[in-house]
């Protein structure tokens, strides 16, 4: 069973272009599912390493087990999606003749609205590193400015190399989900902070041989976890840690751009690197709420 799962994960990574984070999540989900199926097959006296014996009842029992263990609905939905995709792969590869997950319902979830902060809160957050003069503080200032300037995902910004920047022309080259490339402009303030970091601070942290743009105090590429630790510390200093997630600045700039009325939904989709416009549309709910708040506070008959 394990070898078949690895074949499926390789298919997701190489042919479908899934991100490494998604592949890791699917590996965990399918390893859990395989252990459950093997136990079920053993109870029935069947070959414990044979996917052809897995049936719909087993899948439903697995879902029930997840719910009994009180997994979050989003986690259950992801595990069901992993199983459904896996069996679709098995059928297409001729490993099983029939898909037991066909027409299997999934847990439908209402998409939660992204957490955002106001422009003034963003400015306060971005000013936090300036209270220190260390090389790491200059790194943090450049990193947070670039994140808010470009709306990149955290995984994208920690994956940047120095040669992905073109500060003379004011843009950065980013590889998003599915290794899709996009070129994102950078405003003057972010360029200034990046130049300070690259020319003054970064040489004091790492060597010229390191290709990663943002590095930790050991001189190696900063991780997503390392970024989150940095961001959380600055948010705690401001007392807004409850409002902050790793993607808060990405969600905030998306909302602020829509509020400005100068960028339409299609342009925002390209800016953020969303494959589907439906993903971008969630920000319209935030702008609609903003309009309602303005309406309630300003309309003569609403006060």
C-alpha atoms as a PDB file:
ATOM      1  CA  UNK A   1       0.000   0.000   0.000  1.00  0.00           C
ATOM      2  CA  UNK A   2       2.807   2.373   0.853  1.00  0.00           C
ATOM      3  CA  UNK A   3       4.414   2.116  -2.596  1.00  0.00           C
ATOM      4  CA  UNK A   4       1.105   2.913  -4.291  1.00  0.00           C
ATOM      5  CA  UNK A   5       0.643   5.976  -2.079  1.00  0.00           C
ATOM      6  CA  UNK A   6       4.156   7.160  -2.947  1.00  0.00           C
ATOM      7  CA  UNK A   7       3.357   6.730  -6.639  1.00  0.00           C
ATOM      8  CA  UNK A   8       0.252   8.889  -6.208  1.00  0.00           C
ATOM      9  CA  UNK A   9       2.162  11.575  -4.293  1.00  0.00           C
ATOM     10  CA  UNK A  10       4.822  11.648  -6.992  1.00  0.00           C
ATOM     11  CA  UNK A  11       2.033  12.116  -9.554  1.00  0.00           C
ATOM     12  CA  UNK A  12       0.667  15.070  -7.557  1.00  0.00           C
ATOM     13  CA  UNK A  13       4.087  16.677  -7.248  1.00  0.00           C
ATOM     14  CA  UNK A  14       5.505  16.090 -10.733  1.00  0.00           C
ATOM     15  CA  UNK A  15       2.491  16.035 -13.039  1.00  0.00           C
ATOM     16  CA  UNK A  16      -0.082  18.110 -11.155  1.00  0.00           C
ATOM     17  CA  UNK A  17       2.375  20.613  -9.688  1.00  0.00           C
ATOM     18  CA  UNK A  18       0.976  20.432  -6.152  1.00  0.00           C
ATOM     19  CA  UNK A  19       2.923  22.372  -3.526  1.00  0.00           C
ATOM     20  CA  UNK A  20       5.194  20.516  -1.125  1.00  0.00           C
ATOM     21  CA  UNK A  21       2.916  21.465   1.783  1.00  0.00           C
ATOM     22  CA  UNK A  22      -0.105  19.870   0.080  1.00  0.00           C
ATOM     23  CA  UNK A  23       1.864  16.725  -0.753  1.00  0.00           C
ATOM     24  CA  UNK A  24       2.968  16.397   2.874  1.00  0.00           C
ATOM     25  CA  UNK A  25      -0.633  16.834   4.084  1.00  0.00           C
ATOM     26  CA  UNK A  26      -1.879  14.204   1.610  1.00  0.00           C
ATOM     27  CA  UNK A  27       0.857  11.801   2.699  1.00  0.00           C
ATOM     28  CA  UNK A  28      -0.236  12.102   6.323  1.00  0.00           C
ATOM     29  CA  UNK A  29      -3.924  11.727   5.402  1.00  0.00           C
ATOM     30  CA  UNK A  30      -3.398   8.673   3.195  1.00  0.00           C
ATOM     31  CA  UNK A  31      -1.014   7.008   5.658  1.00  0.00           C
ATOM     32  CA  UNK A  32      -3.741   7.327   8.293  1.00  0.00           C
ATOM     33  CA  UNK A  33      -6.340   6.007   5.845  1.00  0.00           C
ATOM     34  CA  UNK A  34      -4.116   3.070   4.806  1.00  0.00           C
ATOM     35  CA  UNK A  35      -3.622   2.025   8.446  1.00  0.00           C
ATOM     36  CA  UNK A  36      -7.399   2.113   8.937  1.00  0.00           C
ATOM     37  CA  UNK A  37      -8.039   0.053   5.776  1.00  0.00           C
ATOM     38  CA  UNK A  38      -5.401  -2.533   6.695  1.00  0.00           C
ATOM     39  CA  UNK A  39      -7.004  -2.992  10.115  1.00  0.00           C
ATOM     40  CA  UNK A  40     -10.438  -3.373   8.508  1.00  0.00           C
ATOM     41  CA  UNK A  41      -9.153  -5.913   5.973  1.00  0.00           C
ATOM     42  CA  UNK A  42      -7.436  -7.912   8.708  1.00  0.00           C
ATOM     43  CA  UNK A  43     -10.698  -8.060  10.676  1.00  0.00           C
ATOM     44  CA  UNK A  44     -12.437  -9.473   7.584  1.00  0.00           C
ATOM     45  CA  UNK A  45      -9.681 -12.013   6.993  1.00  0.00           C
ATOM     46  CA  UNK A  46      -8.673 -10.383   3.693  1.00  0.00           C
ATOM     47  CA  UNK A  47      -5.258  -9.508   2.323  1.00  0.00           C
ATOM     48  CA  UNK A  48      -4.131  -6.541   4.441  1.00  0.00           C
ATOM     49  CA  UNK A  49      -2.071  -4.954   1.645  1.00  0.00           C
ATOM     50  CA  UNK A  50      -4.565  -4.894  -1.213  1.00  0.00           C
ATOM     51  CA  UNK A  51      -6.407  -1.730  -2.292  1.00  0.00           C
ATOM     52  CA  UNK A  52      -8.810  -3.737  -4.482  1.00  0.00           C
ATOM     53  CA  UNK A  53     -10.598  -4.965  -1.359  1.00  0.00           C
ATOM     54  CA  UNK A  54     -11.323  -1.471  -0.049  1.00  0.00           C
ATOM     55  CA  UNK A  55     -15.026  -0.687  -0.433  1.00  0.00           C
ATOM     56  CA  UNK A  56     -17.467   2.140   0.176  1.00  0.00           C
ATOM     57  CA  UNK A  57     -18.408   0.875   3.640  1.00  0.00           C
ATOM     58  CA  UNK A  58     -14.771   1.181   4.671  1.00  0.00           C
ATOM     59  CA  UNK A  59     -14.630   4.751   3.439  1.00  0.00           C
ATOM     60  CA  UNK A  60     -17.789   5.668   5.322  1.00  0.00           C
ATOM     61  CA  UNK A  61     -16.433   3.994   8.455  1.00  0.00           C
ATOM     62  CA  UNK A  62     -13.212   5.990   8.108  1.00  0.00           C
ATOM     63  CA  UNK A  63     -15.153   9.248   7.863  1.00  0.00           C
ATOM     64  CA  UNK A  64     -17.238   8.283  10.881  1.00  0.00           C
ATOM     65  CA  UNK A  65     -14.043   7.541  12.824  1.00  0.00           C
ATOM     66  CA  UNK A  66     -12.699  10.997  11.978  1.00  0.00           C
ATOM     67  CA  UNK A  67     -15.883  12.622  13.231  1.00  0.00           C
ATOM     68  CA  UNK A  68     -15.891  10.525  16.399  1.00  0.00           C
ATOM     69  CA  UNK A  69     -12.392  11.759  17.115  1.00  0.00           C
ATOM     70  CA  UNK A  70     -13.689  15.328  16.732  1.00  0.00           C
ATOM     71  CA  UNK A  71     -11.381  16.437  13.946  1.00  0.00           C
ATOM     72  CA  UNK A  72     -12.076  19.958  12.741  1.00  0.00           C
ATOM     73  CA  UNK A  73     -14.514  20.050   9.783  1.00  0.00           C
ATOM     74  CA  UNK A  74     -11.794  21.550   7.561  1.00  0.00           C
ATOM     75  CA  UNK A  75      -9.466  18.664   8.418  1.00  0.00           C
ATOM     76  CA  UNK A  76     -12.163  16.082   7.693  1.00  0.00           C
ATOM     77  CA  UNK A  77     -12.906  17.757   4.355  1.00  0.00           C
ATOM     78  CA  UNK A  78      -9.226  17.689   3.389  1.00  0.00           C
ATOM     79  CA  UNK A  79      -8.849  14.007   4.303  1.00  0.00           C
ATOM     80  CA  UNK A  80     -11.949  13.102   2.266  1.00  0.00           C
ATOM     81  CA  UNK A  81     -10.558  15.074  -0.678  1.00  0.00           C
ATOM     82  CA  UNK A  82      -7.265  13.188  -0.396  1.00  0.00           C
ATOM     83  CA  UNK A  83      -9.017   9.812  -0.396  1.00  0.00           C
ATOM     84  CA  UNK A  84     -11.240  10.731  -3.350  1.00  0.00           C
ATOM     85  CA  UNK A  85      -8.268  11.939  -5.408  1.00  0.00           C
ATOM     86  CA  UNK A  86      -6.306   8.822  -4.474  1.00  0.00           C
ATOM     87  CA  UNK A  87      -8.987   6.400  -5.663  1.00  0.00           C
ATOM     88  CA  UNK A  88      -9.493   8.373  -8.861  1.00  0.00           C
ATOM     89  CA  UNK A  89      -5.761   7.864  -9.472  1.00  0.00           C
ATOM     90  CA  UNK A  90      -6.021   4.119  -8.708  1.00  0.00           C
ATOM     91  CA  UNK A  91      -8.810   3.684 -11.264  1.00  0.00           C
ATOM     92  CA  UNK A  92      -6.961   5.599 -13.984  1.00  0.00           C
ATOM     93  CA  UNK A  93      -3.810   3.569 -13.323  1.00  0.00           C
ATOM     94  CA  UNK A  94      -5.771   0.298 -13.516  1.00  0.00           C
ATOM     95  CA  UNK A  95      -4.869  -0.656  -9.942  1.00  0.00           C
ATOM     96  CA  UNK A  96      -8.541  -0.993  -8.992  1.00  0.00           C
ATOM     97  CA  UNK A  97     -11.438  -1.655 -11.353  1.00  0.00           C
ATOM     98  CA  UNK A  98     -14.053   0.345  -9.454  1.00  0.00           C
ATOM     99  CA  UNK A  99     -13.899   3.590  -7.520  1.00  0.00           C
ATOM    100  CA  UNK A 100     -15.469   3.113  -4.067  1.00  0.00           C
ATOM    101  CA  UNK A 101     -15.237   6.867  -3.483  1.00  0.00           C
ATOM    102  CA  UNK A 102     -17.345   7.716  -6.543  1.00  0.00           C
ATOM    103  CA  UNK A 103     -20.182  10.103  -5.614  1.00  0.00           C
ATOM    104  CA  UNK A 104     -18.885  10.165  -2.064  1.00  0.00           C
ATOM    105  CA  UNK A 105     -20.051  13.428  -0.519  1.00  0.00           C
ATOM    106  CA  UNK A 106     -17.604  15.804   1.054  1.00  0.00           C
ATOM    107  CA  UNK A 107     -17.982  18.044   4.067  1.00  0.00           C
ATOM    108  CA  UNK A 108     -19.119  21.379   2.683  1.00  0.00           C
ATOM    109  CA  UNK A 109     -17.677  24.297   4.573  1.00  0.00           C
ATOM    110  CA  UNK A 110     -18.471  27.957   4.525  1.00  0.00           C
ATOM    111  CA  UNK A 111     -15.190  29.689   3.727  1.00  0.00           C
ATOM    112  CA  UNK A 112     -14.122  31.789   6.702  1.00  0.00           C
ATOM    113  CA  UNK A 113     -13.346  35.388   5.890  1.00  0.00           C
ATOM    114  CA  UNK A 114      -9.615  36.114   5.942  1.00  0.00           C
ATOM    115  CA  UNK A 115      -8.268  38.057   8.898  1.00  0.00           C
ATOM    116  CA  UNK A 116      -7.187  41.565   7.963  1.00  0.00           C
ATOM    117  CA  UNK A 117      -5.892  44.625   9.772  1.00  0.00           C
ATOM    118  CA  UNK A 118      -6.362  48.302   9.003  1.00  0.00           C
ATOM    119  CA  UNK A 119      -3.874  50.450   7.102  1.00  0.00           C
ATOM    120  CA  UNK A 120      -2.905  52.222  10.327  1.00  0.00           C
ATOM    121  CA  UNK A 121      -2.286  48.873  12.039  1.00  0.00           C
ATOM    122  CA  UNK A 122      -0.164  47.772   9.078  1.00  0.00           C
ATOM    123  CA  UNK A 123       1.913  50.945   9.387  1.00  0.00           C
ATOM    124  CA  UNK A 124       2.411  50.331  13.104  1.00  0.00           C
ATOM    125  CA  UNK A 125       3.419  46.718  12.441  1.00  0.00           C
ATOM    126  CA  UNK A 126       5.877  47.676   9.699  1.00  0.00           C
ATOM    127  CA  UNK A 127       7.475  50.283  11.950  1.00  0.00           C
ATOM    128  CA  UNK A 128       8.206  47.785  14.737  1.00  0.00           C
ATOM    129  CA  UNK A 129      11.591  46.591  13.383  1.00  0.00           C
ATOM    130  CA  UNK A 130      12.845  50.196  13.168  1.00  0.00           C
ATOM    131  CA  UNK A 131      12.990  50.292  16.974  1.00  0.00           C
ATOM    132  CA  UNK A 132      16.073  48.069  16.723  1.00  0.00           C
ATOM    133  CA  UNK A 133      19.344  48.496  14.812  1.00  0.00           C
ATOM    134  CA  UNK A 134      20.449  44.876  14.463  1.00  0.00           C
ATOM    135  CA  UNK A 135      20.966  43.185  11.067  1.00  0.00           C
ATOM    136  CA  UNK A 136      17.998  40.949  11.863  1.00  0.00           C
ATOM    137  CA  UNK A 137      15.777  43.990  12.432  1.00  0.00           C
ATOM    138  CA  UNK A 138      16.775  45.405   9.030  1.00  0.00           C
ATOM    139  CA  UNK A 139      15.960  41.997   7.530  1.00  0.00           C
ATOM    140  CA  UNK A 140      12.552  42.017   9.207  1.00  0.00           C
ATOM    141  CA  UNK A 141      11.770  45.526   7.971  1.00  0.00           C
ATOM    142  CA  UNK A 142      12.641  44.607   4.396  1.00  0.00           C
ATOM    143  CA  UNK A 143      10.761  41.330   4.593  1.00  0.00           C
ATOM    144  CA  UNK A 144       7.546  42.772   6.022  1.00  0.00           C
ATOM    145  CA  UNK A 145       7.611  45.721   3.614  1.00  0.00           C
ATOM    146  CA  UNK A 146       8.073  43.337   0.665  1.00  0.00           C
ATOM    147  CA  UNK A 147       5.291  41.088   1.903  1.00  0.00           C
ATOM    148  CA  UNK A 148       2.796  43.919   2.154  1.00  0.00           C
ATOM    149  CA  UNK A 149       4.014  45.481  -1.098  1.00  0.00           C
ATOM    150  CA  UNK A 150       3.534  42.316  -3.126  1.00  0.00           C
ATOM    151  CA  UNK A 151       0.872  40.275  -1.320  1.00  0.00           C
ATOM    152  CA  UNK A 152       3.019  37.176  -1.635  1.00  0.00           C
ATOM    153  CA  UNK A 153       2.321  34.017   0.328  1.00  0.00           C
ATOM    154  CA  UNK A 154       4.701  33.295   3.197  1.00  0.00           C
ATOM    155  CA  UNK A 155       5.945  30.170   1.406  1.00  0.00           C
ATOM    156  CA  UNK A 156       6.721  32.307  -1.639  1.00  0.00           C
ATOM    157  CA  UNK A 157       8.645  34.988   0.197  1.00  0.00           C
ATOM    158  CA  UNK A 158      10.868  32.574   2.131  1.00  0.00           C
ATOM    159  CA  UNK A 159      11.596  30.764  -1.157  1.00  0.00           C
ATOM    160  CA  UNK A 160      12.964  33.905  -2.813  1.00  0.00           C
ATOM    161  CA  UNK A 161      16.581  34.038  -3.886  1.00  0.00           C
ATOM    162  CA  UNK A 162      18.636  37.212  -4.175  1.00  0.00           C
ATOM    163  CA  UNK A 163      18.608  36.981  -7.970  1.00  0.00           C
ATOM    164  CA  UNK A 164      14.801  36.995  -8.002  1.00  0.00           C
ATOM    165  CA  UNK A 165      14.951  40.707  -7.197  1.00  0.00           C
ATOM    166  CA  UNK A 166      15.416  43.453  -9.769  1.00  0.00           C
ATOM    167  CA  UNK A 167      15.584  46.583  -7.668  1.00  0.00           C
ATOM    168  CA  UNK A 168      16.761  48.780 -10.546  1.00  0.00           C
ATOM    169  CA  UNK A 169      13.515  48.167 -12.426  1.00  0.00           C
ATOM    170  CA  UNK A 170      11.444  47.674  -9.245  1.00  0.00           C
ATOM    171  CA  UNK A 171      10.052  44.152  -9.446  1.00  0.00           C
ATOM    172  CA  UNK A 172      10.415  40.683  -7.965  1.00  0.00           C
ATOM    173  CA  UNK A 173      10.033  37.340  -9.696  1.00  0.00           C
ATOM    174  CA  UNK A 174       7.901  34.931  -7.698  1.00  0.00           C
ATOM    175  CA  UNK A 175       7.056  31.258  -8.204  1.00  0.00           C
ATOM    176  CA  UNK A 176       3.670  30.424  -6.718  1.00  0.00           C
ATOM    177  CA  UNK A 177       1.510  27.321  -6.510  1.00  0.00           C
ATOM    178  CA  UNK A 178       2.144  24.862  -9.311  1.00  0.00           C
ATOM    179  CA  UNK A 179       5.476  26.650  -9.951  1.00  0.00           C
ATOM    180  CA  UNK A 180       3.555  29.374 -11.785  1.00  0.00           C
ATOM    181  CA  UNK A 181       5.747  32.422 -12.303  1.00  0.00           C
ATOM    182  CA  UNK A 182       4.562  35.980 -11.840  1.00  0.00           C
ATOM    183  CA  UNK A 183       6.341  39.323 -11.909  1.00  0.00           C
ATOM    184  CA  UNK A 184       5.243  41.697  -9.135  1.00  0.00           C
ATOM    185  CA  UNK A 185       6.098  45.416  -8.920  1.00  0.00           C
ATOM    186  CA  UNK A 186       7.701  46.815  -5.768  1.00  0.00           C
ATOM    187  CA  UNK A 187       7.128  50.354  -4.493  1.00  0.00           C
ATOM    188  CA  UNK A 188       9.904  52.769  -3.515  1.00  0.00           C
ATOM    189  CA  UNK A 189       9.750  52.271   0.255  1.00  0.00           C
ATOM    190  CA  UNK A 190      10.125  48.490  -0.085  1.00  0.00           C
ATOM    191  CA  UNK A 191      13.010  48.960  -2.556  1.00  0.00           C
ATOM    192  CA  UNK A 192      14.777  51.273  -0.110  1.00  0.00           C
ATOM    193  CA  UNK A 193      14.452  48.796   2.784  1.00  0.00           C
ATOM    194  CA  UNK A 194      15.552  45.880   0.600  1.00  0.00           C
ATOM    195  CA  UNK A 195      18.662  47.756  -0.508  1.00  0.00           C
ATOM    196  CA  UNK A 196      19.526  48.555   3.113  1.00  0.00           C
ATOM    197  CA  UNK A 197      19.110  44.914   4.057  1.00  0.00           C
ATOM    198  CA  UNK A 198      21.039  43.500   1.101  1.00  0.00           C
ATOM    199  CA  UNK A 199      23.979  45.935   1.233  1.00  0.00           C
ATOM    200  CA  UNK A 200      24.286  46.593   4.967  1.00  0.00           C
ATOM    201  CA  UNK A 201      22.631  43.834   7.013  1.00  0.00           C
ATOM    202  CA  UNK A 202      22.649  40.615   5.004  1.00  0.00           C
ATOM    203  CA  UNK A 203      26.479  40.471   4.620  1.00  0.00           C
ATOM    204  CA  UNK A 204      26.711  40.513   8.417  1.00  0.00           C
ATOM    205  CA  UNK A 205      24.427  37.459   8.704  1.00  0.00           C
ATOM    206  CA  UNK A 206      25.483  35.187   5.853  1.00  0.00           C
ATOM    207  CA  UNK A 207      28.019  34.706   3.064  1.00  0.00           C
ATOM    208  CA  UNK A 208      27.856  35.557  -0.634  1.00  0.00           C
ATOM    209  CA  UNK A 209      27.512  31.840  -1.397  1.00  0.00           C
ATOM    210  CA  UNK A 210      24.039  31.694   0.190  1.00  0.00           C
ATOM    211  CA  UNK A 211      21.413  32.227  -2.529  1.00  0.00           C
ATOM    212  CA  UNK A 212      18.417  32.693  -0.214  1.00  0.00           C
ATOM    213  CA  UNK A 213      17.219  36.286   0.052  1.00  0.00           C
ATOM    214  CA  UNK A 214      16.001  36.092   3.649  1.00  0.00           C
ATOM    215  CA  UNK A 215      18.165  34.138   6.071  1.00  0.00           C
ATOM    216  CA  UNK A 216      17.998  33.269   9.753  1.00  0.00           C
ATOM    217  CA  UNK A 217      20.611  34.207  12.347  1.00  0.00           C
ATOM    218  CA  UNK A 218      22.616  31.105  11.370  1.00  0.00           C
ATOM    219  CA  UNK A 219      22.906  32.381   7.804  1.00  0.00           C
ATOM    220  CA  UNK A 220      20.602  29.780   6.272  1.00  0.00           C
ATOM    221  CA  UNK A 221      17.277  30.191   4.472  1.00  0.00           C
ATOM    222  CA  UNK A 222      14.510  31.409   6.756  1.00  0.00           C
ATOM    223  CA  UNK A 223      11.648  28.917   7.129  1.00  0.00           C
ATOM    224  CA  UNK A 224       7.907  29.550   7.257  1.00  0.00           C
ATOM    225  CA  UNK A 225       8.003  28.722  10.956  1.00  0.00           C
ATOM    226  CA  UNK A 226      10.829  31.205  11.463  1.00  0.00           C
ATOM    227  CA  UNK A 227       8.861  33.911   9.679  1.00  0.00           C
ATOM    228  CA  UNK A 228       5.772  33.210  11.805  1.00  0.00           C
ATOM    229  CA  UNK A 229       7.828  33.479  14.999  1.00  0.00           C
ATOM    230  CA  UNK A 230       9.161  36.891  13.871  1.00  0.00           C
ATOM    231  CA  UNK A 231       5.741  38.215  12.867  1.00  0.00           C
ATOM    232  CA  UNK A 232       4.090  36.976  16.057  1.00  0.00           C
ATOM    233  CA  UNK A 233       6.647  38.743  18.247  1.00  0.00           C
ATOM    234  CA  UNK A 234       6.034  42.079  16.532  1.00  0.00           C
ATOM    235  CA  UNK A 235       2.261  41.582  16.741  1.00  0.00           C
ATOM    236  CA  UNK A 236       2.500  40.815  20.461  1.00  0.00           C
ATOM    237  CA  UNK A 237       4.450  44.023  21.020  1.00  0.00           C
ATOM    238  CA  UNK A 238       1.514  45.917  19.483  1.00  0.00           C
ATOM    239  CA  UNK A 239      -1.112  43.867  21.315  1.00  0.00           C
ATOM    240  CA  UNK A 240      -2.717  42.649  18.060  1.00  0.00           C
ATOM    241  CA  UNK A 241      -1.553  39.026  18.118  1.00  0.00           C
ATOM    242  CA  UNK A 242      -5.190  37.840  18.001  1.00  0.00           C
ATOM    243  CA  UNK A 243      -5.605  39.585  14.646  1.00  0.00           C
ATOM    244  CA  UNK A 244      -2.458  38.174  13.074  1.00  0.00           C
ATOM    245  CA  UNK A 245      -1.969  34.996  11.042  1.00  0.00           C
ATOM    246  CA  UNK A 246       0.954  34.205   8.715  1.00  0.00           C
ATOM    247  CA  UNK A 247      -1.100  35.493   5.762  1.00  0.00           C
ATOM    248  CA  UNK A 248      -2.543  38.610   7.428  1.00  0.00           C
ATOM    249  CA  UNK A 249      -0.470  41.046   5.372  1.00  0.00           C
ATOM    250  CA  UNK A 250      -1.413  39.224   2.149  1.00  0.00           C
ATOM    251  CA  UNK A 251      -5.120  39.366   3.013  1.00  0.00           C
ATOM    252  CA  UNK A 252      -4.826  42.976   4.166  1.00  0.00           C
ATOM    253  CA  UNK A 253      -3.202  44.342   1.015  1.00  0.00           C
ATOM    254  CA  UNK A 254      -5.770  42.480  -1.108  1.00  0.00           C
ATOM    255  CA  UNK A 255      -8.592  44.110   0.833  1.00  0.00           C
ATOM    256  CA  UNK A 256      -6.943  47.542   0.847  1.00  0.00           C
ATOM    257  CA  UNK A 257      -6.429  47.436  -2.925  1.00  0.00           C
ATOM    258  CA  UNK A 258     -10.093  46.585  -3.480  1.00  0.00           C
ATOM    259  CA  UNK A 259     -11.160  49.324  -1.060  1.00  0.00           C
ATOM    260  CA  UNK A 260      -9.177  51.835  -3.088  1.00  0.00           C
ATOM    261  CA  UNK A 261     -11.346  51.131  -6.134  1.00  0.00           C
ATOM    262  CA  UNK A 262      -8.271  51.330  -8.381  1.00  0.00           C
ATOM    263  CA  UNK A 263      -7.795  47.587  -8.886  1.00  0.00           C
ATOM    264  CA  UNK A 264     -10.533  45.304 -10.179  1.00  0.00           C
ATOM    265  CA  UNK A 265     -11.066  41.672  -9.265  1.00  0.00           C
ATOM    266  CA  UNK A 266      -9.287  40.248 -12.312  1.00  0.00           C
ATOM    267  CA  UNK A 267      -6.243  42.425 -11.709  1.00  0.00           C
ATOM    268  CA  UNK A 268      -6.215  41.391  -8.048  1.00  0.00           C
ATOM    269  CA  UNK A 269      -6.428  37.728  -9.089  1.00  0.00           C
ATOM    270  CA  UNK A 270      -3.295  38.114 -11.217  1.00  0.00           C
ATOM    271  CA  UNK A 271      -1.534  40.119  -8.496  1.00  0.00           C
ATOM    272  CA  UNK A 272      -2.166  37.422  -5.865  1.00  0.00           C
ATOM    273  CA  UNK A 273      -1.496  34.490  -8.189  1.00  0.00           C
ATOM    274  CA  UNK A 274      -4.893  32.838  -7.718  1.00  0.00           C
ATOM    275  CA  UNK A 275      -5.671  30.114 -10.248  1.00  0.00           C
ATOM    276  CA  UNK A 276      -9.430  30.698  -9.936  1.00  0.00           C
ATOM    277  CA  UNK A 277     -11.339  33.959  -9.650  1.00  0.00           C
ATOM    278  CA  UNK A 278     -13.585  32.329  -7.024  1.00  0.00           C
ATOM    279  CA  UNK A 279     -10.647  32.373  -4.592  1.00  0.00           C
ATOM    280  CA  UNK A 280     -10.204  36.106  -5.121  1.00  0.00           C
ATOM    281  CA  UNK A 281     -13.920  36.811  -4.743  1.00  0.00           C
ATOM    282  CA  UNK A 282     -13.785  36.157  -1.009  1.00  0.00           C
ATOM    283  CA  UNK A 283     -12.253  39.626  -0.635  1.00  0.00           C
ATOM    284  CA  UNK A 284     -15.393  41.189  -2.079  1.00  0.00           C
ATOM    285  CA  UNK A 285     -17.213  40.010   1.064  1.00  0.00           C
ATOM    286  CA  UNK A 286     -14.786  42.040   3.134  1.00  0.00           C
ATOM    287  CA  UNK A 287     -15.236  45.139   1.002  1.00  0.00           C
ATOM    288  CA  UNK A 288     -19.017  44.691   1.143  1.00  0.00           C
ATOM    289  CA  UNK A 289     -18.827  44.635   4.929  1.00  0.00           C
ATOM    290  CA  UNK A 290     -16.737  47.819   4.801  1.00  0.00           C
ATOM    291  CA  UNK A 291     -19.371  49.490   2.618  1.00  0.00           C
ATOM    292  CA  UNK A 292     -22.102  48.431   5.056  1.00  0.00           C
ATOM    293  CA  UNK A 293     -20.204  49.897   8.007  1.00  0.00           C
ATOM    294  CA  UNK A 294     -19.764  53.199   6.171  1.00  0.00           C
ATOM    295  CA  UNK A 295     -23.437  53.132   5.182  1.00  0.00           C
ATOM    296  CA  UNK A 296     -24.631  52.458   8.726  1.00  0.00           C
ATOM    297  CA  UNK A 297     -22.496  55.258  10.122  1.00  0.00           C
ATOM    298  CA  UNK A 298     -23.326  57.857   7.459  1.00  0.00           C
ATOM    299  CA  UNK A 299     -26.841  57.318   6.100  1.00  0.00           C
ATOM    300  CA  UNK A 300     -29.270  59.813   7.723  1.00  0.00           C
ATOM    301  CA  UNK A 301     -31.957  57.161   8.228  1.00  0.00           C
ATOM    302  CA  UNK A 302     -29.549  54.498   9.503  1.00  0.00           C
ATOM    303  CA  UNK A 303     -28.320  56.487  12.497  1.00  0.00           C
END
